[in-house]
Every structure is written in C-alpha cells, then in structure tokens.
Amino acid sequence: MADKSPTEDKSPTSDAPFNAITQLQEAGLGSMMGMGTAWAEAISDMSAEVAHFVAERIKEDVKTQHQILHCQNVADLQHIQAQFIQKAMDQYQAETGKLVEMGTKAFAPKKN
C-alpha cells in the first residue's frame, strides 16, 4: 500500500474557506487581499456612525415621550407628534446621505 503524504489527505472541510474565496473572486469580486486595513477602518467608521445615529434617535424618542406626558390637550399632542415625525424623516434622510457618502469613499478605487 502506498503511503499518503499529509498534504494529499485533505478533507472537504479543510479547504472550504479557500474554495469560498475562490468562488467570490470568480463571481467578480476580484482579489480580496486589496481590501486591507483601509477597508476595515471604513466599515468600522460606518458602524460607529450608525451606532451614534441610533443613540441620538433614542434620545429624541425619550424627549418626545416626555413632551407627550406633559401635553395639555389633543392639539398639543398632534403638534408634538408632527414635529417628531418631521424631525425623524429629516434625520433619517441626512443619515442615509452620510452613509452613502462614507460607503462611496470606502469602496472607491484608491489613487496611488
């Protein structure tokens, strides 16, 4: 019986990560090695931006609940709710713009 070398005895699970990377490259993502530190930092910055935005929105929710608890009539309630909705829409629109800009910069080809 012939001896098998350790490199010849590969199970399907041992090279699965490499196969996945190869499949992604073949699908058009190209070499993932070029992504590097700058890409990871950009993703981290975007995550921090989203976390900050969510924290600010929660503060706004609490502020609005406080105003609702202290309103005296239905007209005040409607005004508070309308302001809340308008501010939320404005903030979500602005945040979407920021994230699109950050994403565009993160994935733009780097000039050397």
C-alpha atoms as a PDB file:
ATOM      1  CA  MET A   1       0.000   0.000   0.000  1.00  0.00           C
ATOM      2  CA  ALA A   2       1.312   3.406  -0.886  1.00  0.00           C
ATOM      3  CA  ASP A   3       1.920   5.902   1.845  1.00  0.00           C
ATOM      4  CA  LYS A   4      -0.124   9.077   1.633  1.00  0.00           C
ATOM      5  CA  SER A   5       1.566  12.314   2.431  1.00  0.00           C
ATOM      6  CA  PRO A   6      -0.246  14.687   4.829  1.00  0.00           C
ATOM      7  CA  THR A   7      -0.765  17.214   2.029  1.00  0.00           C
ATOM      8  CA  GLU A   8      -2.656  14.693  -0.102  1.00  0.00           C
ATOM      9  CA  ASP A   9      -5.162  13.843   2.644  1.00  0.00           C
ATOM     10  CA  LYS A  10      -7.368  16.922   2.539  1.00  0.00           C
ATOM     11  CA  SER A  11     -10.902  16.640   3.743  1.00  0.00           C
ATOM     12  CA  PRO A  12     -13.540  18.778   2.047  1.00  0.00           C
ATOM     13  CA  THR A  13     -13.890  20.912   5.158  1.00  0.00           C
ATOM     14  CA  SER A  14     -10.200  21.780   5.418  1.00  0.00           C
ATOM     15  CA  ASP A  15     -10.129  23.765   2.170  1.00  0.00           C
ATOM     16  CA  ALA A  16     -13.693  25.100   2.287  1.00  0.00           C
ATOM     17  CA  PRO A  17     -12.648  28.669   3.226  1.00  0.00           C
ATOM     18  CA  PHE A  18     -10.263  28.789   0.271  1.00  0.00           C
ATOM     19  CA  ASN A  19     -12.935  27.452  -2.063  1.00  0.00           C
ATOM     20  CA  ALA A  20     -15.339  30.148  -0.861  1.00  0.00           C
ATOM     21  CA  ILE A  21     -12.779  32.894  -1.538  1.00  0.00           C
ATOM     22  CA  THR A  22     -12.058  31.442  -4.968  1.00  0.00           C
ATOM     23  CA  GLN A  23     -15.782  31.380  -5.755  1.00  0.00           C
ATOM     24  CA  LEU A  24     -16.150  35.020  -4.705  1.00  0.00           C
ATOM     25  CA  GLN A  25     -13.204  36.025  -6.867  1.00  0.00           C
ATOM     26  CA  GLU A  26     -14.663  34.145  -9.815  1.00  0.00           C
ATOM     27  CA  ALA A  27     -18.019  35.854  -9.237  1.00  0.00           C
ATOM     28  CA  GLY A  28     -16.369  39.175  -9.916  1.00  0.00           C
ATOM     29  CA  LEU A  29     -15.267  40.447  -6.528  1.00  0.00           C
ATOM     30  CA  GLY A  30     -11.629  40.216  -7.564  1.00  0.00           C
ATOM     31  CA  SER A  31      -8.789  39.831  -5.169  1.00  0.00           C
ATOM     32  CA  MET A  32      -9.946  40.338  -1.617  1.00  0.00           C
ATOM     33  CA  MET A  33      -6.388  40.900  -0.466  1.00  0.00           C
ATOM     34  CA  GLY A  34      -6.525  44.508  -1.656  1.00  0.00           C
ATOM     35  CA  MET A  35      -9.271  45.377   0.818  1.00  0.00           C
ATOM     36  CA  GLY A  36      -6.858  45.596   3.711  1.00  0.00           C
ATOM     37  CA  THR A  37      -6.827  47.894   6.686  1.00  0.00           C
ATOM     38  CA  ALA A  38      -8.400  50.920   4.996  1.00  0.00           C
ATOM     39  CA  TRP A  39     -11.496  48.913   4.117  1.00  0.00           C
ATOM     40  CA  ALA A  40     -11.819  47.525   7.661  1.00  0.00           C
ATOM     41  CA  GLU A  41     -11.457  51.042   9.078  1.00  0.00           C
ATOM     42  CA  ALA A  42     -14.131  52.370   6.719  1.00  0.00           C
ATOM     43  CA  ILE A  43     -16.549  49.638   7.794  1.00  0.00           C
ATOM     44  CA  SER A  44     -15.735  50.378  11.426  1.00  0.00           C
ATOM     45  CA  ASP A  45     -16.370  54.105  10.871  1.00  0.00           C
ATOM     46  CA  MET A  46     -19.720  53.336   9.248  1.00  0.00           C
ATOM     47  CA  SER A  47     -20.697  51.070  12.157  1.00  0.00           C
ATOM     48  CA  ALA A  48     -19.786  53.796  14.642  1.00  0.00           C
ATOM     49  CA  GLU A  49     -21.848  56.315  12.652  1.00  0.00           C
ATOM     50  CA  VAL A  50     -24.887  54.029  12.732  1.00  0.00           C
ATOM     51  CA  ALA A  51     -24.469  53.434  16.480  1.00  0.00           C
ATOM     52  CA  HIS A  52     -24.243  57.190  17.090  1.00  0.00           C
ATOM     53  CA  PHE A  53     -27.331  57.801  14.963  1.00  0.00           C
ATOM     54  CA  VAL A  54     -29.356  55.161  16.825  1.00  0.00           C
ATOM     55  CA  ALA A  55     -28.307  56.661  20.177  1.00  0.00           C
ATOM     56  CA  GLU A  56     -29.422  60.121  19.033  1.00  0.00           C
ATOM     57  CA  ARG A  57     -32.754  58.773  17.801  1.00  0.00           C
ATOM     58  CA  ILE A  58     -33.359  57.053  21.147  1.00  0.00           C
ATOM     59  CA  LYS A  59     -32.686  60.356  22.933  1.00  0.00           C
ATOM     60  CA  GLU A  60     -35.214  62.008  20.621  1.00  0.00           C
ATOM     61  CA  ASP A  61     -37.761  59.270  21.393  1.00  0.00           C
ATOM     62  CA  VAL A  62     -37.354  59.806  25.133  1.00  0.00           C
ATOM     63  CA  LYS A  63     -37.638  63.589  24.734  1.00  0.00           C
ATOM     64  CA  THR A  64     -40.839  63.199  22.727  1.00  0.00           C
ATOM     65  CA  GLN A  65     -42.348  60.797  25.265  1.00  0.00           C
ATOM     66  CA  HIS A  66     -41.627  63.346  27.972  1.00  0.00           C
ATOM     67  CA  GLN A  67     -43.358  66.077  25.953  1.00  0.00           C
ATOM     68  CA  ILE A  68     -46.368  63.832  25.324  1.00  0.00           C
ATOM     69  CA  LEU A  69     -46.707  63.070  29.026  1.00  0.00           C
ATOM     70  CA  HIS A  70     -46.849  66.790  29.771  1.00  0.00           C
ATOM     71  CA  CYS A  71     -49.108  67.993  26.967  1.00  0.00           C
ATOM     72  CA  GLN A  72     -52.432  69.532  28.000  1.00  0.00           C
ATOM     73  CA  ASN A  73     -54.693  68.889  25.021  1.00  0.00           C
ATOM     74  CA  VAL A  74     -55.101  66.990  21.762  1.00  0.00           C
ATOM     75  CA  ALA A  75     -53.820  69.898  19.654  1.00  0.00           C
ATOM     76  CA  ASP A  76     -50.544  69.900  21.596  1.00  0.00           C
ATOM     77  CA  LEU A  77     -50.284  66.124  21.188  1.00  0.00           C
ATOM     78  CA  GLN A  78     -50.783  66.383  17.433  1.00  0.00           C
ATOM     79  CA  HIS A  79     -48.183  69.146  17.188  1.00  0.00           C
ATOM     80  CA  ILE A  80     -45.647  67.125  19.187  1.00  0.00           C
ATOM     81  CA  GLN A  81     -46.247  64.065  17.025  1.00  0.00           C
ATOM     82  CA  ALA A  82     -45.967  66.048  13.789  1.00  0.00           C
ATOM     83  CA  GLN A  83     -42.680  67.614  14.927  1.00  0.00           C
ATOM     84  CA  PHE A  84     -41.367  64.194  15.924  1.00  0.00           C
ATOM     85  CA  ILE A  85     -42.205  62.635  12.552  1.00  0.00           C
ATOM     86  CA  GLN A  86     -40.751  65.550  10.591  1.00  0.00           C
ATOM     87  CA  LYS A  87     -37.523  65.557  12.594  1.00  0.00           C
ATOM     88  CA  ALA A  88     -37.191  61.776  12.273  1.00  0.00           C
ATOM     89  CA  MET A  89     -37.658  61.946   8.495  1.00  0.00           C
ATOM     90  CA  ASP A  90     -35.087  64.741   8.215  1.00  0.00           C
ATOM     91  CA  GLN A  91     -32.571  62.875  10.387  1.00  0.00           C
ATOM     92  CA  TYR A  92     -33.020  59.574   8.548  1.00  0.00           C
ATOM     93  CA  GLN A  93     -32.583  61.329   5.211  1.00  0.00           C
ATOM     94  CA  ALA A  94     -29.430  63.090   6.390  1.00  0.00           C
ATOM     95  CA  GLU A  95     -28.033  59.875   7.877  1.00  0.00           C
ATOM     96  CA  THR A  96     -28.686  57.957   4.684  1.00  0.00           C
ATOM     97  CA  GLY A  97     -26.747  60.605   2.781  1.00  0.00           C
ATOM     98  CA  LYS A  98     -23.831  60.347   5.217  1.00  0.00           C
ATOM     99  CA  LEU A  99     -23.710  56.558   4.940  1.00  0.00           C
ATOM    100  CA  VAL A 100     -23.910  56.631   1.158  1.00  0.00           C
ATOM    101  CA  GLU A 101     -21.033  59.114   1.062  1.00  0.00           C
ATOM    102  CA  MET A 102     -18.986  57.045   3.510  1.00  0.00           C
ATOM    103  CA  GLY A 103     -19.672  53.881   1.507  1.00  0.00           C
ATOM    104  CA  THR A 104     -18.744  55.563  -1.743  1.00  0.00           C
ATOM    105  CA  LYS A 105     -15.432  56.699  -0.278  1.00  0.00           C
ATOM    106  CA  ALA A 106     -14.767  53.265   1.274  1.00  0.00           C
ATOM    107  CA  PHE A 107     -15.227  51.381  -1.977  1.00  0.00           C
ATOM    108  CA  ALA A 108     -13.763  53.945  -4.382  1.00  0.00           C
ATOM    109  CA  PRO A 109     -10.580  52.871  -6.119  1.00  0.00           C
ATOM    110  CA  LYS A 110      -7.523  54.263  -4.369  1.00  0.00           C
ATOM    111  CA  LYS A 111      -5.234  56.509  -6.401  1.00  0.00           C
ATOM    112  CA  ASN A 112      -1.556  55.805  -5.952  1.00  0.00           C
END
